[in-house]
Amino acid sequence: MTRAVLYVCHGSRIAKAREEAIAFIERCQKHVKADIQEISFLELASPSIEEGFEICVKRGASHVSVVPLLLLTAVHAKKRYSR
């Protein structure tokens, strides 16, 4: 059995936000025992979740665990909408 972990970040149009999320995951990866570890994004960045999953499978994963890492509140969650 080949295990993979697919980390899913929210994604951002801001490069620094994407870089910070990736840097955090890269620090965490050192403590995770998995044959394959990949990073993907929910939106606004690549690779997408689908692409990340495909990368895991192409690298030989027979089992993929998905770990959501939504570190910050997204802008659309901060806005107040009136009804």
PDB file of N, CA and C in Angstrom:
ATOM      1  N   MET A   1       0.851  -1.175   0.000  1.00  0.00           N
ATOM      2  CA  MET A   1       0.000   0.000   0.000  1.00  0.00           C
ATOM      3  C   MET A   1       0.898   1.240   0.000  1.00  0.00           C
ATOM      4  N   THR A   2       0.628   2.144  -0.908  1.00  0.00           N
ATOM      5  CA  THR A   2       1.373   3.399  -0.985  1.00  0.00           C
ATOM      6  C   THR A   2       0.452   4.524  -0.526  1.00  0.00           C
ATOM      7  N   ARG A   3       0.830   5.150   0.580  1.00  0.00           N
ATOM      8  CA  ARG A   3      -0.002   6.195   1.178  1.00  0.00           C
ATOM      9  C   ARG A   3       0.450   7.579   0.723  1.00  0.00           C
ATOM     10  N   ALA A   4      -0.551   8.416   0.477  1.00  0.00           N
ATOM     11  CA  ALA A   4      -0.280   9.811   0.103  1.00  0.00           C
ATOM     12  C   ALA A   4      -1.087  10.728   1.009  1.00  0.00           C
ATOM     13  N   VAL A   5      -0.551  11.907   1.214  1.00  0.00           N
ATOM     14  CA  VAL A   5      -1.281  12.967   1.912  1.00  0.00           C
ATOM     15  C   VAL A   5      -1.398  14.135   0.942  1.00  0.00           C
ATOM     16  N   LEU A   6      -2.618  14.577   0.725  1.00  0.00           N
ATOM     17  CA  LEU A   6      -2.879  15.741  -0.123  1.00  0.00           C
ATOM     18  C   LEU A   6      -3.355  16.872   0.786  1.00  0.00           C
ATOM     19  N   TYR A   7      -2.508  17.874   0.930  1.00  0.00           N
ATOM     20  CA  TYR A   7      -2.836  19.045   1.732  1.00  0.00           C
ATOM     21  C   TYR A   7      -3.618  20.014   0.850  1.00  0.00           C
ATOM     22  N   VAL A   8      -4.705  20.541   1.372  1.00  0.00           N
ATOM     23  CA  VAL A   8      -5.539  21.467   0.610  1.00  0.00           C
ATOM     24  C   VAL A   8      -5.549  22.820   1.303  1.00  0.00           C
ATOM     25  N   CYS A   9      -4.933  23.797   0.653  1.00  0.00           N
ATOM     26  CA  CYS A   9      -4.938  25.181   1.131  1.00  0.00           C
ATOM     27  C   CYS A   9      -6.116  25.909   0.489  1.00  0.00           C
ATOM     28  N   HIS A  10      -6.509  27.010   1.074  1.00  0.00           N
ATOM     29  CA  HIS A  10      -7.612  27.778   0.505  1.00  0.00           C
ATOM     30  C   HIS A  10      -7.248  28.334  -0.861  1.00  0.00           C
ATOM     31  N   GLY A  11      -6.086  28.960  -0.976  1.00  0.00           N
ATOM     32  CA  GLY A  11      -5.695  29.634  -2.226  1.00  0.00           C
ATOM     33  C   GLY A  11      -5.902  31.124  -2.088  1.00  0.00           C
ATOM     34  N   SER A  12      -5.155  31.870  -2.879  1.00  0.00           N
ATOM     35  CA  SER A  12      -5.236  33.326  -2.817  1.00  0.00           C
ATOM     36  C   SER A  12      -4.673  33.924  -4.093  1.00  0.00           C
ATOM     37  N   ARG A  13      -5.156  35.103  -4.426  1.00  0.00           N
ATOM     38  CA  ARG A  13      -4.562  35.842  -5.549  1.00  0.00           C
ATOM     39  C   ARG A  13      -3.234  36.480  -5.135  1.00  0.00           C
ATOM     40  N   ILE A  14      -3.010  36.563  -3.831  1.00  0.00           N
ATOM     41  CA  ILE A  14      -1.819  37.210  -3.286  1.00  0.00           C
ATOM     42  C   ILE A  14      -0.704  36.168  -3.161  1.00  0.00           C
ATOM     43  N   ALA A  15       0.377  36.382  -3.901  1.00  0.00           N
ATOM     44  CA  ALA A  15       1.482  35.419  -3.934  1.00  0.00           C
ATOM     45  C   ALA A  15       2.042  35.160  -2.537  1.00  0.00           C
ATOM     46  N   LYS A  16       2.202  36.200  -1.736  1.00  0.00           N
ATOM     47  CA  LYS A  16       2.771  36.041  -0.392  1.00  0.00           C
ATOM     48  C   LYS A  16       1.901  35.126   0.465  1.00  0.00           C
ATOM     49  N   ALA A  17       0.609  35.207   0.337  1.00  0.00           N
ATOM     50  CA  ALA A  17      -0.299  34.344   1.100  1.00  0.00           C
ATOM     51  C   ALA A  17      -0.119  32.892   0.687  1.00  0.00           C
ATOM     52  N   ARG A  18      -0.017  32.638  -0.611  1.00  0.00           N
ATOM     53  CA  ARG A  18       0.219  31.268  -1.095  1.00  0.00           C
ATOM     54  C   ARG A  18       1.564  30.747  -0.595  1.00  0.00           C
ATOM     55  N   GLU A  19       2.581  31.588  -0.672  1.00  0.00           N
ATOM     56  CA  GLU A  19       3.929  31.191  -0.240  1.00  0.00           C
ATOM     57  C   GLU A  19       3.952  30.860   1.247  1.00  0.00           C
ATOM     58  N   GLU A  20       3.249  31.636   2.055  1.00  0.00           N
ATOM     59  CA  GLU A  20       3.207  31.384   3.499  1.00  0.00           C
ATOM     60  C   GLU A  20       2.512  30.062   3.806  1.00  0.00           C
ATOM     61  N   ALA A  21       1.434  29.778   3.099  1.00  0.00           N
ATOM     62  CA  ALA A  21       0.722  28.510   3.298  1.00  0.00           C
ATOM     63  C   ALA A  21       1.620  27.336   2.923  1.00  0.00           C
ATOM     64  N   ILE A  22       2.298  27.449   1.793  1.00  0.00           N
ATOM     65  CA  ILE A  22       3.204  26.379   1.349  1.00  0.00           C
ATOM     66  C   ILE A  22       4.345  26.198   2.342  1.00  0.00           C
ATOM     67  N   ALA A  23       4.917  27.281   2.818  1.00  0.00           N
ATOM     68  CA  ALA A  23       6.015  27.200   3.783  1.00  0.00           C
ATOM     69  C   ALA A  23       5.561  26.501   5.072  1.00  0.00           C
ATOM     70  N   PHE A  24       4.358  26.805   5.527  1.00  0.00           N
ATOM     71  CA  PHE A  24       3.825  26.157   6.731  1.00  0.00           C
ATOM     72  C   PHE A  24       3.692  24.653   6.504  1.00  0.00           C
ATOM     73  N   ILE A  25       3.121  24.272   5.371  1.00  0.00           N
ATOM     74  CA  ILE A  25       2.945  22.851   5.078  1.00  0.00           C
ATOM     75  C   ILE A  25       4.289  22.153   4.951  1.00  0.00           C
ATOM     76  N   GLU A  26       5.237  22.788   4.306  1.00  0.00           N
ATOM     77  CA  GLU A  26       6.557  22.175   4.156  1.00  0.00           C
ATOM     78  C   GLU A  26       7.211  21.917   5.514  1.00  0.00           C
ATOM     79  N   ARG A  27       6.970  22.795   6.482  1.00  0.00           N
ATOM     80  CA  ARG A  27       7.487  22.553   7.834  1.00  0.00           C
ATOM     81  C   ARG A  27       6.774  21.361   8.470  1.00  0.00           C
ATOM     82  N   CYS A  28       5.494  21.247   8.226  1.00  0.00           N
ATOM     83  CA  CYS A  28       4.711  20.144   8.798  1.00  0.00           C
ATOM     84  C   CYS A  28       5.064  18.799   8.155  1.00  0.00           C
ATOM     85  N   GLN A  29       5.356  18.816   6.860  1.00  0.00           N
ATOM     86  CA  GLN A  29       5.629  17.580   6.133  1.00  0.00           C
ATOM     87  C   GLN A  29       6.768  16.777   6.753  1.00  0.00           C
ATOM     88  N   LYS A  30       7.711  17.441   7.371  1.00  0.00           N
ATOM     89  CA  LYS A  30       8.853  16.765   7.983  1.00  0.00           C
ATOM     90  C   LYS A  30       8.411  15.820   9.107  1.00  0.00           C
ATOM     91  N   HIS A  31       7.222  16.055   9.662  1.00  0.00           N
ATOM     92  CA  HIS A  31       6.732  15.275  10.795  1.00  0.00           C
ATOM     93  C   HIS A  31       5.677  14.241  10.392  1.00  0.00           C
ATOM     94  N   VAL A  32       5.406  14.143   9.102  1.00  0.00           N
ATOM     95  CA  VAL A  32       4.378  13.224   8.614  1.00  0.00           C
ATOM     96  C   VAL A  32       5.044  12.074   7.869  1.00  0.00           C
ATOM     97  N   LYS A  33       4.675  10.868   8.240  1.00  0.00           N
ATOM     98  CA  LYS A  33       5.232   9.692   7.574  1.00  0.00           C
ATOM     99  C   LYS A  33       4.251   9.239   6.501  1.00  0.00           C
ATOM    100  N   ALA A  34       4.547   9.617   5.282  1.00  0.00           N
ATOM    101  CA  ALA A  34       3.740   9.203   4.125  1.00  0.00           C
ATOM    102  C   ALA A  34       4.682   9.089   2.942  1.00  0.00           C
ATOM    103  N   ASP A  35       4.388   8.146   2.076  1.00  0.00           N
ATOM    104  CA  ASP A  35       5.239   7.934   0.901  1.00  0.00           C
ATOM    105  C   ASP A  35       5.213   9.132  -0.043  1.00  0.00           C
ATOM    106  N   ILE A  36       4.049   9.750  -0.143  1.00  0.00           N
ATOM    107  CA  ILE A  36       3.837  10.858  -1.083  1.00  0.00           C
ATOM    108  C   ILE A  36       3.129  11.973  -0.328  1.00  0.00           C
ATOM    109  N   GLN A  37       3.588  13.204  -0.514  1.00  0.00           N
ATOM    110  CA  GLN A  37       2.927  14.368   0.073  1.00  0.00           C
ATOM    111  C   GLN A  37       2.851  15.453  -0.993  1.00  0.00           C
ATOM    112  N   GLU A  38       1.652  15.935  -1.240  1.00  0.00           N
ATOM    113  CA  GLU A  38       1.433  16.964  -2.258  1.00  0.00           C
ATOM    114  C   GLU A  38       0.589  18.089  -1.674  1.00  0.00           C
ATOM    115  N   ILE A  39       0.714  19.265  -2.271  1.00  0.00           N
ATOM    116  CA  ILE A  39      -0.041  20.452  -1.861  1.00  0.00           C
ATOM    117  C   ILE A  39      -0.968  20.851  -3.003  1.00  0.00           C
ATOM    118  N   SER A  40      -2.203  21.195  -2.668  1.00  0.00           N
ATOM    119  CA  SER A  40      -3.159  21.677  -3.676  1.00  0.00           C
ATOM    120  C   SER A  40      -3.940  22.844  -3.086  1.00  0.00           C
ATOM    121  N   PHE A  41      -4.786  23.433  -3.922  1.00  0.00           N
ATOM    122  CA  PHE A  41      -5.535  24.619  -3.522  1.00  0.00           C
ATOM    123  C   PHE A  41      -7.015  24.480  -3.862  1.00  0.00           C
ATOM    124  N   LEU A  42      -7.836  24.987  -2.974  1.00  0.00           N
ATOM    125  CA  LEU A  42      -9.284  24.990  -3.156  1.00  0.00           C
ATOM    126  C   LEU A  42      -9.682  25.891  -4.321  1.00  0.00           C
ATOM    127  N   GLU A  43      -9.025  27.057  -4.429  1.00  0.00           N
ATOM    128  CA  GLU A  43      -9.341  27.996  -5.495  1.00  0.00           C
ATOM    129  C   GLU A  43      -8.208  29.007  -5.653  1.00  0.00           C
ATOM    130  N   LEU A  44      -8.217  29.732  -6.731  1.00  0.00           N
ATOM    131  CA  LEU A  44      -7.331  30.870  -6.992  1.00  0.00           C
ATOM    132  C   LEU A  44      -5.848  30.533  -7.108  1.00  0.00           C
ATOM    133  N   ALA A  45      -5.484  29.269  -7.171  1.00  0.00           N
ATOM    134  CA  ALA A  45      -4.081  28.871  -7.314  1.00  0.00           C
ATOM    135  C   ALA A  45      -4.025  27.441  -7.845  1.00  0.00           C
ATOM    136  N   SER A  46      -2.869  27.060  -8.307  1.00  0.00           N
ATOM    137  CA  SER A  46      -2.657  25.714  -8.838  1.00  0.00           C
ATOM    138  C   SER A  46      -1.591  25.011  -8.022  1.00  0.00           C
ATOM    139  N   PRO A  47      -1.673  23.713  -7.952  1.00  0.00           N
ATOM    140  CA  PRO A  47      -2.637  22.820  -8.575  1.00  0.00           C
ATOM    141  C   PRO A  47      -3.962  22.789  -7.808  1.00  0.00           C
ATOM    142  N   SER A  48      -5.029  22.482  -8.522  1.00  0.00           N
ATOM    143  CA  SER A  48      -6.348  22.333  -7.907  1.00  0.00           C
ATOM    144  C   SER A  48      -6.373  21.025  -7.106  1.00  0.00           C
ATOM    145  N   ILE A  49      -7.424  20.809  -6.354  1.00  0.00           N
ATOM    146  CA  ILE A  49      -7.572  19.567  -5.599  1.00  0.00           C
ATOM    147  C   ILE A  49      -7.554  18.377  -6.557  1.00  0.00           C
ATOM    148  N   GLU A  50      -8.284  18.490  -7.649  1.00  0.00           N
ATOM    149  CA  GLU A  50      -8.330  17.406  -8.632  1.00  0.00           C
ATOM    150  C   GLU A  50      -6.944  17.118  -9.197  1.00  0.00           C
ATOM    151  N   GLU A  51      -6.207  18.182  -9.525  1.00  0.00           N
ATOM    152  CA  GLU A  51      -4.852  18.011 -10.057  1.00  0.00           C
ATOM    153  C   GLU A  51      -3.926  17.396  -9.008  1.00  0.00           C
ATOM    154  N   GLY A  52      -4.034  17.848  -7.769  1.00  0.00           N
ATOM    155  CA  GLY A  52      -3.211  17.301  -6.695  1.00  0.00           C
ATOM    156  C   GLY A  52      -3.475  15.825  -6.480  1.00  0.00           C
ATOM    157  N   PHE A  53      -4.751  15.447  -6.513  1.00  0.00           N
ATOM    158  CA  PHE A  53      -5.126  14.047  -6.359  1.00  0.00           C
ATOM    159  C   PHE A  53      -4.545  13.222  -7.504  1.00  0.00           C
ATOM    160  N   GLU A  54      -4.653  13.750  -8.719  1.00  0.00           N
ATOM    161  CA  GLU A  54      -4.117  13.063  -9.894  1.00  0.00           C
ATOM    162  C   GLU A  54      -2.598  12.883  -9.781  1.00  0.00           C
ATOM    163  N   ILE A  55      -1.906  13.892  -9.279  1.00  0.00           N
ATOM    164  CA  ILE A  55      -0.455  13.800  -9.082  1.00  0.00           C
ATOM    165  C   ILE A  55      -0.134  12.661  -8.105  1.00  0.00           C
ATOM    166  N   CYS A  56      -0.892  12.581  -7.018  1.00  0.00           N
ATOM    167  CA  CYS A  56      -0.677  11.507  -6.046  1.00  0.00           C
ATOM    168  C   CYS A  56      -0.829  10.130  -6.695  1.00  0.00           C
ATOM    169  N   VAL A  57      -1.885   9.965  -7.461  1.00  0.00           N
ATOM    170  CA  VAL A  57      -2.144   8.685  -8.116  1.00  0.00           C
ATOM    171  C   VAL A  57      -1.045   8.366  -9.131  1.00  0.00           C
ATOM    172  N   LYS A  58      -0.653   9.366  -9.919  1.00  0.00           N
ATOM    173  CA  LYS A  58       0.408   9.142 -10.902  1.00  0.00           C
ATOM    174  C   LYS A  58       1.732   8.775 -10.236  1.00  0.00           C
ATOM    175  N   ARG A  59       1.941   9.263  -9.014  1.00  0.00           N
ATOM    176  CA  ARG A  59       3.166   8.931  -8.275  1.00  0.00           C
ATOM    177  C   ARG A  59       3.067   7.572  -7.590  1.00  0.00           C
ATOM    178  N   GLY A  60       1.904   6.914  -7.743  1.00  0.00           N
ATOM    179  CA  GLY A  60       1.758   5.552  -7.235  1.00  0.00           C
ATOM    180  C   GLY A  60       0.908   5.382  -6.001  1.00  0.00           C
ATOM    181  N   ALA A  61       0.191   6.404  -5.582  1.00  0.00           N
ATOM    182  CA  ALA A  61      -0.626   6.306  -4.371  1.00  0.00           C
ATOM    183  C   ALA A  61      -1.786   5.342  -4.564  1.00  0.00           C
ATOM    184  N   SER A  62      -1.956   4.459  -3.589  1.00  0.00           N
ATOM    185  CA  SER A  62      -3.131   3.586  -3.575  1.00  0.00           C
ATOM    186  C   SER A  62      -4.146   4.075  -2.539  1.00  0.00           C
ATOM    187  N   HIS A  63      -3.694   4.906  -1.604  1.00  0.00           N
ATOM    188  CA  HIS A  63      -4.554   5.512  -0.582  1.00  0.00           C
ATOM    189  C   HIS A  63      -4.158   6.983  -0.443  1.00  0.00           C
ATOM    190  N   VAL A  64      -5.155   7.871  -0.475  1.00  0.00           N
ATOM    191  CA  VAL A  64      -4.884   9.308  -0.359  1.00  0.00           C
ATOM    192  C   VAL A  64      -5.696   9.870   0.809  1.00  0.00           C
ATOM    193  N   SER A  65      -4.999  10.474   1.756  1.00  0.00           N
ATOM    194  CA  SER A  65      -5.652  11.193   2.850  1.00  0.00           C
ATOM    195  C   SER A  65      -5.622  12.675   2.504  1.00  0.00           C
ATOM    196  N   VAL A  66      -6.764  13.329   2.628  1.00  0.00           N
ATOM    197  CA  VAL A  66      -6.867  14.743   2.308  1.00  0.00           C
ATOM    198  C   VAL A  66      -6.905  15.537   3.612  1.00  0.00           C
ATOM    199  N   VAL A  67      -6.002  16.513   3.727  1.00  0.00           N
ATOM    200  CA  VAL A  67      -5.912  17.317   4.936  1.00  0.00           C
ATOM    201  C   VAL A  67      -6.177  18.778   4.582  1.00  0.00           C
ATOM    202  N   PRO A  68      -7.325  19.320   4.986  1.00  0.00           N
ATOM    203  CA  PRO A  68      -7.595  20.733   4.725  1.00  0.00           C
ATOM    204  C   PRO A  68      -6.805  21.614   5.685  1.00  0.00           C
ATOM    205  N   LEU A  69      -6.136  22.612   5.148  1.00  0.00           N
ATOM    206  CA  LEU A  69      -5.377  23.561   5.956  1.00  0.00           C
ATOM    207  C   LEU A  69      -5.799  24.970   5.563  1.00  0.00           C
ATOM    208  N   LEU A  70      -6.903  25.385   6.118  1.00  0.00           N
ATOM    209  CA  LEU A  70      -7.456  26.704   5.833  1.00  0.00           C
ATOM    210  C   LEU A  70      -7.023  27.603   6.982  1.00  0.00           C
ATOM    211  N   LEU A  71      -5.853  28.202   6.821  1.00  0.00           N
ATOM    212  CA  LEU A  71      -5.182  28.880   7.913  1.00  0.00           C
ATOM    213  C   LEU A  71      -5.764  30.237   8.270  1.00  0.00           C
ATOM    214  N   LEU A  72      -6.304  30.944   7.316  1.00  0.00           N
ATOM    215  CA  LEU A  72      -6.806  32.294   7.550  1.00  0.00           C
ATOM    216  C   LEU A  72      -8.245  32.405   7.085  1.00  0.00           C
ATOM    217  N   THR A  73      -8.949  33.365   7.599  1.00  0.00           N
ATOM    218  CA  THR A  73     -10.315  33.614   7.154  1.00  0.00           C
ATOM    219  C   THR A  73     -10.276  34.260   5.780  1.00  0.00           C
ATOM    220  N   ALA A  74     -10.982  33.684   4.847  1.00  0.00           N
ATOM    221  CA  ALA A  74     -11.018  34.219   3.491  1.00  0.00           C
ATOM    222  C   ALA A  74     -11.815  35.518   3.455  1.00  0.00           C
ATOM    223  N   VAL A  75     -11.534  36.338   2.469  1.00  0.00           N
ATOM    224  CA  VAL A  75     -12.193  37.645   2.350  1.00  0.00           C
ATOM    225  C   VAL A  75     -13.704  37.489   2.285  1.00  0.00           C
ATOM    226  N   HIS A  76     -14.209  36.508   1.523  1.00  0.00           N
ATOM    227  CA  HIS A  76     -15.659  36.369   1.408  1.00  0.00           C
ATOM    228  C   HIS A  76     -16.303  35.982   2.742  1.00  0.00           C
ATOM    229  N   ALA A  77     -15.550  35.414   3.664  1.00  0.00           N
ATOM    230  CA  ALA A  77     -16.090  35.099   4.980  1.00  0.00           C
ATOM    231  C   ALA A  77     -16.097  36.326   5.895  1.00  0.00           C
ATOM    232  N   LYS A  78     -15.282  37.315   5.564  1.00  0.00           N
ATOM    233  CA  LYS A  78     -15.185  38.519   6.395  1.00  0.00           C
ATOM    234  C   LYS A  78     -16.236  39.562   6.032  1.00  0.00           C
ATOM    235  N   LYS A  79     -16.745  39.513   4.820  1.00  0.00           N
ATOM    236  CA  LYS A  79     -17.717  40.512   4.377  1.00  0.00           C
ATOM    237  C   LYS A  79     -19.062  40.256   5.032  1.00  0.00           C
ATOM    238  N   ARG A  80     -19.722  41.348   5.317  1.00  0.00           N
ATOM    239  CA  ARG A  80     -21.093  41.259   5.839  1.00  0.00           C
ATOM    240  C   ARG A  80     -22.041  41.533   4.682  1.00  0.00           C
ATOM    241  N   TYR A  81     -22.981  40.674   4.516  1.00  0.00           N
ATOM    242  CA  TYR A  81     -23.957  40.836   3.454  1.00  0.00           C
ATOM    243  C   TYR A  81     -25.307  41.177   4.079  1.00  0.00           C
ATOM    244  N   SER A  82     -25.949  42.182   3.545  1.00  0.00           N
ATOM    245  CA  SER A  82     -27.276  42.526   4.055  1.00  0.00           C
ATOM    246  C   SER A  82     -28.309  41.811   3.206  1.00  0.00           C
ATOM    247  N   ARG A  83     -29.359  41.439   3.856  1.00  0.00           N
ATOM    248  CA  ARG A  83     -30.431  40.710   3.152  1.00  0.00           C
ATOM    249  C   ARG A  83     -31.651  41.551   3.066  1.00  0.00           C
TER     250      ARG A  83
END
